[in-house]
N, C-alpha and C. Protein backbone atom coordinates (compact mmCIF):
# COMPACT_ATOMS: atom_id res chain seq x y z
N MET A 1 -108.02 25.14 -33.38
CA MET A 1 -107.37 26.24 -33.25
C MET A 1 -108.63 27.34 -33.36
N GLY A 2 -108.86 28.34 -32.86
CA GLY A 2 -109.92 29.17 -33.08
C GLY A 2 -109.38 30.33 -34.14
N TRP A 3 -110.57 31.16 -34.58
CA TRP A 3 -109.96 32.20 -35.41
C TRP A 3 -109.31 33.12 -34.89
N THR A 4 -109.27 33.44 -33.35
CA THR A 4 -108.41 34.68 -32.70
C THR A 4 -107.13 34.10 -32.83
N ASN A 5 -106.73 32.75 -32.91
CA ASN A 5 -105.42 32.37 -32.58
C ASN A 5 -105.11 32.59 -34.14
N THR A 6 -105.70 32.18 -35.18
CA THR A 6 -105.42 32.19 -36.64
C THR A 6 -105.07 33.92 -37.00
N PHE A 7 -106.01 34.68 -36.50
CA PHE A 7 -106.01 35.93 -36.74
C PHE A 7 -104.56 36.51 -35.98
N GLN A 8 -103.96 36.31 -34.87
CA GLN A 8 -102.80 36.79 -34.17
C GLN A 8 -101.93 36.23 -34.78
N GLY A 9 -101.74 34.81 -35.28
CA GLY A 9 -100.66 34.43 -36.31
C GLY A 9 -100.27 34.99 -37.48
N ILE A 10 -101.31 35.39 -38.42
CA ILE A 10 -101.23 35.93 -39.31
C ILE A 10 -100.83 37.44 -39.29
N PHE A 11 -101.23 38.38 -38.06
CA PHE A 11 -100.65 39.35 -37.83
C PHE A 11 -99.23 39.50 -37.34
N MET A 12 -99.03 38.49 -36.44
CA MET A 12 -97.47 38.39 -36.24
C MET A 12 -96.56 38.04 -37.46
N LEU A 13 -96.88 37.31 -38.38
CA LEU A 13 -96.56 37.08 -39.78
C LEU A 13 -95.94 38.20 -40.42
N VAL A 14 -97.35 38.95 -40.65
CA VAL A 14 -97.03 40.19 -41.35
C VAL A 14 -96.31 41.43 -40.75
N ILE A 15 -96.07 41.43 -39.18
CA ILE A 15 -95.34 42.24 -38.51
C ILE A 15 -93.94 42.03 -38.86
N ALA A 16 -93.52 40.75 -38.76
CA ALA A 16 -92.20 40.44 -39.04
C ALA A 16 -91.72 40.25 -40.49
N SER A 17 -92.49 40.32 -41.34
CA SER A 17 -92.24 40.16 -42.74
C SER A 17 -91.95 41.75 -43.09
N MET A 18 -92.74 42.54 -42.32
CA MET A 18 -92.56 44.19 -42.67
C MET A 18 -91.24 44.46 -42.30
N SER A 19 -90.56 44.18 -40.75
CA SER A 19 -89.47 44.49 -40.33
C SER A 19 -88.59 43.92 -41.06
N THR A 20 -88.65 42.77 -41.73
CA THR A 20 -87.37 42.05 -42.54
C THR A 20 -87.39 43.12 -43.96
N GLY A 21 -88.36 43.11 -44.48
CA GLY A 21 -88.42 44.15 -45.52
C GLY A 21 -87.69 45.65 -45.43
N ASP A 22 -88.06 45.70 -44.11
CA ASP A 22 -87.46 47.50 -43.78
C ASP A 22 -85.93 47.21 -43.99
N ALA A 23 -85.52 46.16 -43.07
CA ALA A 23 -83.77 45.97 -43.17
C ALA A 23 -83.16 45.77 -44.23
N LEU A 24 -84.12 44.82 -45.22
CA LEU A 24 -83.60 44.60 -46.30
C LEU A 24 -83.45 45.77 -47.49
N LEU A 25 -84.67 46.56 -47.55
CA LEU A 25 -84.70 47.83 -48.41
C LEU A 25 -83.54 48.78 -47.98
N HIS A 26 -83.40 48.98 -46.47
CA HIS A 26 -82.33 49.77 -46.26
C HIS A 26 -80.72 49.42 -46.50
N ALA A 27 -80.80 47.90 -46.26
CA ALA A 27 -79.41 47.54 -46.92
C ALA A 27 -79.09 47.44 -48.19
N GLY A 28 -80.04 47.26 -48.88
CA GLY A 28 -79.88 47.45 -50.38
C GLY A 28 -79.62 48.77 -50.78
N ALA A 29 -80.30 49.92 -50.33
CA ALA A 29 -80.13 51.28 -50.72
C ALA A 29 -78.74 51.58 -50.37
N SER A 30 -78.10 50.93 -49.05
CA SER A 30 -76.92 51.36 -48.79
C SER A 30 -75.77 50.63 -49.70
N VAL A 31 -76.40 49.44 -50.02
CA VAL A 31 -75.14 48.98 -50.96
C VAL A 31 -75.31 49.50 -52.42
N ALA A 32 -76.51 49.97 -52.68
CA ALA A 32 -76.46 50.51 -54.32
C ALA A 32 -75.75 51.65 -53.95
N VAL A 33 -75.74 52.90 -53.22
CA VAL A 33 -74.94 54.24 -53.11
C VAL A 33 -73.66 53.65 -52.99
N GLU A 34 -73.18 53.00 -51.86
CA GLU A 34 -71.72 52.60 -51.85
C GLU A 34 -70.91 52.12 -52.84
N ASP A 35 -71.71 50.79 -53.32
CA ASP A 35 -71.05 50.20 -54.74
C ASP A 35 -71.44 50.64 -55.80
N GLY A 36 -72.63 50.98 -55.92
CA GLY A 36 -73.23 51.21 -57.45
C GLY A 36 -72.93 52.71 -57.83
N ILE A 37 -72.85 53.72 -56.89
CA ILE A 37 -72.84 55.12 -57.25
C ILE A 37 -71.20 55.72 -56.98
N ARG A 38 -70.80 55.57 -55.84
CA ARG A 38 -69.57 56.17 -55.30
C ARG A 38 -68.34 55.79 -56.28
N PRO A 39 -68.14 54.66 -56.51
CA PRO A 39 -67.02 54.17 -57.65
C PRO A 39 -67.06 54.91 -58.80
N PHE A 40 -68.12 55.32 -59.34
CA PHE A 40 -67.96 55.82 -60.53
C PHE A 40 -68.29 57.56 -60.54
N ARG A 41 -68.79 57.99 -59.23
CA ARG A 41 -69.17 59.59 -59.33
C ARG A 41 -69.16 59.92 -57.94
N GLU A 42 -68.31 60.71 -57.82
CA GLU A 42 -67.81 61.64 -56.67
C GLU A 42 -69.55 62.33 -56.12
N LEU A 43 -69.75 62.11 -55.25
CA LEU A 43 -71.17 62.66 -54.33
C LEU A 43 -70.73 64.02 -53.57
N ASP A 44 -70.85 64.94 -54.05
CA ASP A 44 -70.65 66.20 -53.42
C ASP A 44 -71.83 66.53 -52.77
N ASP A 45 -71.79 67.60 -52.00
CA ASP A 45 -73.20 67.83 -51.11
C ASP A 45 -74.41 68.39 -51.86
N ARG A 46 -73.94 68.82 -53.18
CA ARG A 46 -74.96 69.39 -54.00
C ARG A 46 -75.74 68.21 -54.93
N ARG A 47 -74.90 67.33 -55.26
CA ARG A 47 -75.49 66.15 -55.78
C ARG A 47 -76.32 65.18 -54.80
N ARG A 48 -75.61 65.11 -53.76
CA ARG A 48 -76.42 64.46 -52.51
C ARG A 48 -77.98 64.81 -52.70
N ARG A 49 -77.81 66.22 -52.51
CA ARG A 49 -79.31 67.00 -52.31
C ARG A 49 -80.22 66.40 -53.13
N LEU A 50 -79.72 66.84 -54.59
CA LEU A 50 -80.52 66.43 -55.93
C LEU A 50 -81.09 64.94 -55.90
N LEU A 51 -80.15 64.04 -55.43
CA LEU A 51 -80.41 62.51 -55.65
C LEU A 51 -81.61 62.17 -54.55
N MET A 52 -81.43 63.02 -53.55
CA MET A 52 -82.51 62.94 -52.44
C MET A 52 -83.95 63.75 -52.78
N SER A 53 -84.11 64.39 -53.76
CA SER A 53 -84.96 65.07 -53.90
C SER A 53 -86.21 64.16 -54.58
N GLY A 54 -85.90 63.51 -55.26
CA GLY A 54 -86.96 62.33 -55.45
C GLY A 54 -87.61 61.35 -54.38
N LEU A 55 -86.52 60.97 -53.55
CA LEU A 55 -86.92 59.93 -52.38
C LEU A 55 -87.92 61.19 -51.40
N VAL A 56 -87.66 62.22 -51.22
CA VAL A 56 -88.17 62.98 -50.41
C VAL A 56 -89.63 63.41 -50.96
N GLY A 57 -89.91 63.66 -52.12
CA GLY A 57 -91.08 64.05 -52.60
C GLY A 57 -91.76 62.65 -52.74
N GLY A 58 -91.40 61.84 -53.13
CA GLY A 58 -92.07 60.30 -52.98
C GLY A 58 -92.63 59.97 -51.65
N ALA A 59 -91.67 60.04 -50.74
CA ALA A 59 -91.70 59.62 -49.45
C ALA A 59 -93.13 60.73 -48.75
N ALA A 60 -92.91 62.04 -49.05
CA ALA A 60 -93.78 62.93 -48.48
C ALA A 60 -95.44 62.73 -48.88
N VAL A 61 -95.29 62.13 -50.34
CA VAL A 61 -96.65 61.90 -51.09
C VAL A 61 -97.02 60.48 -50.66
N THR A 62 -96.25 59.63 -50.19
CA THR A 62 -96.55 58.45 -49.59
C THR A 62 -97.22 58.49 -48.21
N LEU A 63 -96.68 59.40 -47.23
CA LEU A 63 -97.34 59.72 -46.08
C LEU A 63 -98.51 60.53 -46.08
N PHE A 64 -98.39 61.35 -46.99
CA PHE A 64 -99.69 62.14 -47.07
C PHE A 64 -100.78 61.40 -47.31
N PHE A 65 -100.67 60.25 -48.22
CA PHE A 65 -102.18 59.31 -48.74
C PHE A 65 -102.28 58.36 -47.60
N PHE A 66 -101.15 57.99 -46.80
CA PHE A 66 -101.12 56.80 -46.03
C PHE A 66 -102.26 57.39 -44.98
N PHE A 67 -101.86 58.60 -44.43
CA PHE A 67 -102.77 59.33 -43.36
C PHE A 67 -103.74 60.03 -43.78
N GLN A 68 -104.09 60.35 -45.03
CA GLN A 68 -105.24 61.01 -45.59
C GLN A 68 -105.68 59.67 -46.88
N GLY A 69 -106.33 58.88 -46.52
CA GLY A 69 -106.63 57.75 -47.32
C GLY A 69 -107.68 57.90 -48.04
N HIS A 70 -108.58 58.66 -47.54
CA HIS A 70 -109.84 59.17 -48.30
C HIS A 70 -109.58 59.92 -49.08
N LEU A 71 -108.47 60.61 -49.40
CA LEU A 71 -108.03 61.50 -50.59
C LEU A 71 -107.50 60.70 -51.81
N ARG A 72 -107.03 59.41 -51.42
CA ARG A 72 -106.25 58.56 -52.61
C ARG A 72 -107.00 58.46 -54.21
N PRO A 73 -106.50 59.00 -55.36
CA PRO A 73 -107.14 58.66 -56.31
C PRO A 73 -107.21 57.50 -56.76
N PHE A 74 -108.41 57.00 -57.24
CA PHE A 74 -108.59 55.72 -58.14
C PHE A 74 -108.24 54.65 -57.02
N ASP A 75 -108.15 54.80 -55.71
CA ASP A 75 -108.10 53.95 -54.56
C ASP A 75 -106.80 53.24 -54.50
N LEU A 76 -105.64 53.85 -55.56
CA LEU A 76 -104.29 53.42 -55.62
C LEU A 76 -103.70 53.17 -54.01
N HIS A 77 -102.87 52.33 -53.97
CA HIS A 77 -101.88 51.99 -52.90
C HIS A 77 -100.68 53.38 -52.82
N GLU A 78 -101.03 53.76 -51.31
CA GLU A 78 -100.16 55.01 -51.27
C GLU A 78 -98.85 55.01 -51.96
N GLY A 79 -98.04 53.60 -51.82
CA GLY A 79 -96.55 53.31 -52.11
C GLY A 79 -96.58 53.75 -53.74
N ILE A 80 -97.70 53.24 -54.46
CA ILE A 80 -97.74 53.57 -55.77
C ILE A 80 -97.68 54.86 -56.12
N LEU A 81 -98.43 55.67 -55.70
CA LEU A 81 -98.62 57.22 -55.58
C LEU A 81 -97.28 57.80 -55.37
N GLY A 82 -96.53 57.41 -54.33
CA GLY A 82 -94.86 58.06 -53.93
C GLY A 82 -94.04 57.74 -55.17
N LEU A 83 -94.17 56.50 -55.58
CA LEU A 83 -93.65 55.96 -56.72
C LEU A 83 -93.56 56.81 -58.12
N LEU A 84 -94.96 57.16 -58.19
CA LEU A 84 -95.29 58.13 -59.38
C LEU A 84 -94.94 59.67 -59.43
N VAL A 85 -94.84 59.86 -58.21
CA VAL A 85 -94.12 61.15 -57.75
C VAL A 85 -92.37 61.42 -57.91
N HIS A 86 -92.14 60.01 -57.22
CA HIS A 86 -90.49 60.03 -57.40
C HIS A 86 -89.84 59.77 -58.31
N SER A 87 -90.25 58.81 -59.23
CA SER A 87 -89.77 58.83 -60.52
C SER A 87 -89.30 60.06 -61.47
N PRO A 88 -90.41 60.75 -61.77
CA PRO A 88 -90.38 61.92 -62.52
C PRO A 88 -89.67 62.86 -62.03
N VAL A 89 -89.45 63.03 -60.23
CA VAL A 89 -88.67 63.99 -59.84
C VAL A 89 -87.47 63.45 -60.08
N LEU A 90 -86.89 62.26 -59.90
CA LEU A 90 -85.73 61.87 -59.79
C LEU A 90 -85.08 62.02 -61.51
N LEU A 91 -85.90 61.88 -62.38
CA LEU A 91 -85.53 61.73 -63.91
C LEU A 91 -85.32 63.21 -64.21
N GLY A 92 -86.25 63.82 -63.58
CA GLY A 92 -86.27 65.61 -64.31
C GLY A 92 -85.19 66.11 -63.30
N VAL A 93 -84.71 65.90 -61.98
CA VAL A 93 -83.34 66.54 -61.63
C VAL A 93 -82.22 66.02 -62.52
N SER A 94 -82.28 64.48 -62.90
CA SER A 94 -80.96 63.86 -63.45
C SER A 94 -80.92 64.45 -64.83
N LEU A 95 -82.12 64.92 -65.57
CA LEU A 95 -81.80 65.75 -66.85
C LEU A 95 -81.76 67.08 -66.78
N LEU A 96 -81.88 67.76 -65.55
CA LEU A 96 -81.76 69.19 -65.44
C LEU A 96 -80.30 69.41 -64.90
N THR A 97 -79.43 68.27 -64.67
CA THR A 97 -78.11 68.48 -64.00
C THR A 97 -77.21 68.12 -64.88
N ARG A 98 -76.20 69.15 -64.88
CA ARG A 98 -75.48 69.27 -66.22
C ARG A 98 -74.22 68.22 -65.25
N ASP A 99 -73.62 67.29 -66.33
CA ASP A 99 -72.48 66.47 -65.95
C ASP A 99 -71.32 67.25 -66.00
N PRO A 100 -70.68 67.12 -64.89
CA PRO A 100 -69.12 68.03 -64.77
C PRO A 100 -68.22 67.15 -65.49
N GLU A 101 -68.42 65.94 -65.85
CA GLU A 101 -67.12 65.29 -66.31
C GLU A 101 -67.64 64.13 -67.68
N PRO A 102 -68.31 64.92 -68.62
CA PRO A 102 -68.94 64.11 -69.81
C PRO A 102 -67.83 63.15 -70.47
N ASP A 103 -66.70 63.34 -70.58
CA ASP A 103 -65.75 62.48 -71.26
C ASP A 103 -65.49 61.15 -70.30
N ARG A 104 -65.96 61.16 -68.92
CA ARG A 104 -65.72 60.20 -68.16
C ARG A 104 -67.02 59.35 -68.31
N ALA A 105 -67.76 59.86 -68.45
CA ALA A 105 -69.15 59.31 -68.26
C ALA A 105 -69.21 58.50 -70.07
N LYS A 106 -68.74 59.33 -70.80
CA LYS A 106 -68.64 58.49 -72.36
C LYS A 106 -67.95 57.16 -72.35
N ALA A 107 -66.96 57.14 -71.50
CA ALA A 107 -65.84 56.27 -71.51
C ALA A 107 -66.57 55.02 -70.72
N PHE A 108 -67.53 55.17 -69.75
CA PHE A 108 -68.28 54.13 -69.09
C PHE A 108 -69.24 53.55 -70.23
N ILE A 109 -69.91 54.67 -70.81
CA ILE A 109 -70.87 53.91 -71.64
C ILE A 109 -70.27 53.21 -72.86
N ARG A 110 -68.96 53.66 -73.55
CA ARG A 110 -68.35 52.67 -74.13
C ARG A 110 -67.96 51.20 -73.67
N ALA A 111 -67.48 51.18 -72.49
CA ALA A 111 -67.04 50.14 -71.73
C ALA A 111 -68.31 49.13 -71.52
N ALA A 112 -69.49 49.80 -71.51
CA ALA A 112 -70.47 48.98 -71.32
C ALA A 112 -71.31 48.37 -72.28
N GLY A 113 -70.75 48.87 -73.72
CA GLY A 113 -70.95 48.40 -75.09
C GLY A 113 -72.22 49.26 -75.46
N GLY A 114 -72.14 50.41 -75.34
CA GLY A 114 -73.45 51.65 -75.37
C GLY A 114 -72.96 52.01 -76.67
N PRO A 115 -73.32 53.44 -77.30
CA PRO A 115 -73.42 53.73 -78.45
C PRO A 115 -71.88 53.60 -78.74
N GLY A 116 -71.27 53.16 -79.77
CA GLY A 116 -69.92 53.57 -80.20
C GLY A 116 -68.87 52.27 -79.32
N GLY A 117 -69.42 51.60 -78.57
CA GLY A 117 -68.72 50.88 -77.58
C GLY A 117 -68.44 49.54 -78.43
N ALA A 118 -67.61 48.86 -77.40
CA ALA A 118 -67.80 47.19 -77.68
C ALA A 118 -68.23 46.35 -76.82
N VAL A 119 -69.07 45.44 -77.67
CA VAL A 119 -70.02 44.79 -76.90
C VAL A 119 -69.25 43.29 -76.78
N SER A 120 -69.49 42.88 -75.30
CA SER A 120 -68.61 41.75 -75.05
C SER A 120 -69.41 40.72 -75.25
């Protein structure tokens, strides 16, 4: 088997794994929102926009550095740069957003064994 066939095989394997990874990531995000967030918190239009701010910011940075690779600082992968933007934006928006039902949130923290709660 020559180098061309080996290269083609590796290339096809990478394409297949990327396709699978994309489907798994999308399915995982859907499950996280549907089963991890919605049962505990009603997502109105305003909250959805706030949650999406980190994702959009991170995706924009990732795409920018993907297409403008020569501008990447420290030769970091563009996905890491997107994550470095996504995380503080999501955290900042979460901290700046007032909880409309603080008593309900405290009940979940107590049930999970947080401050003042029972430990299972």
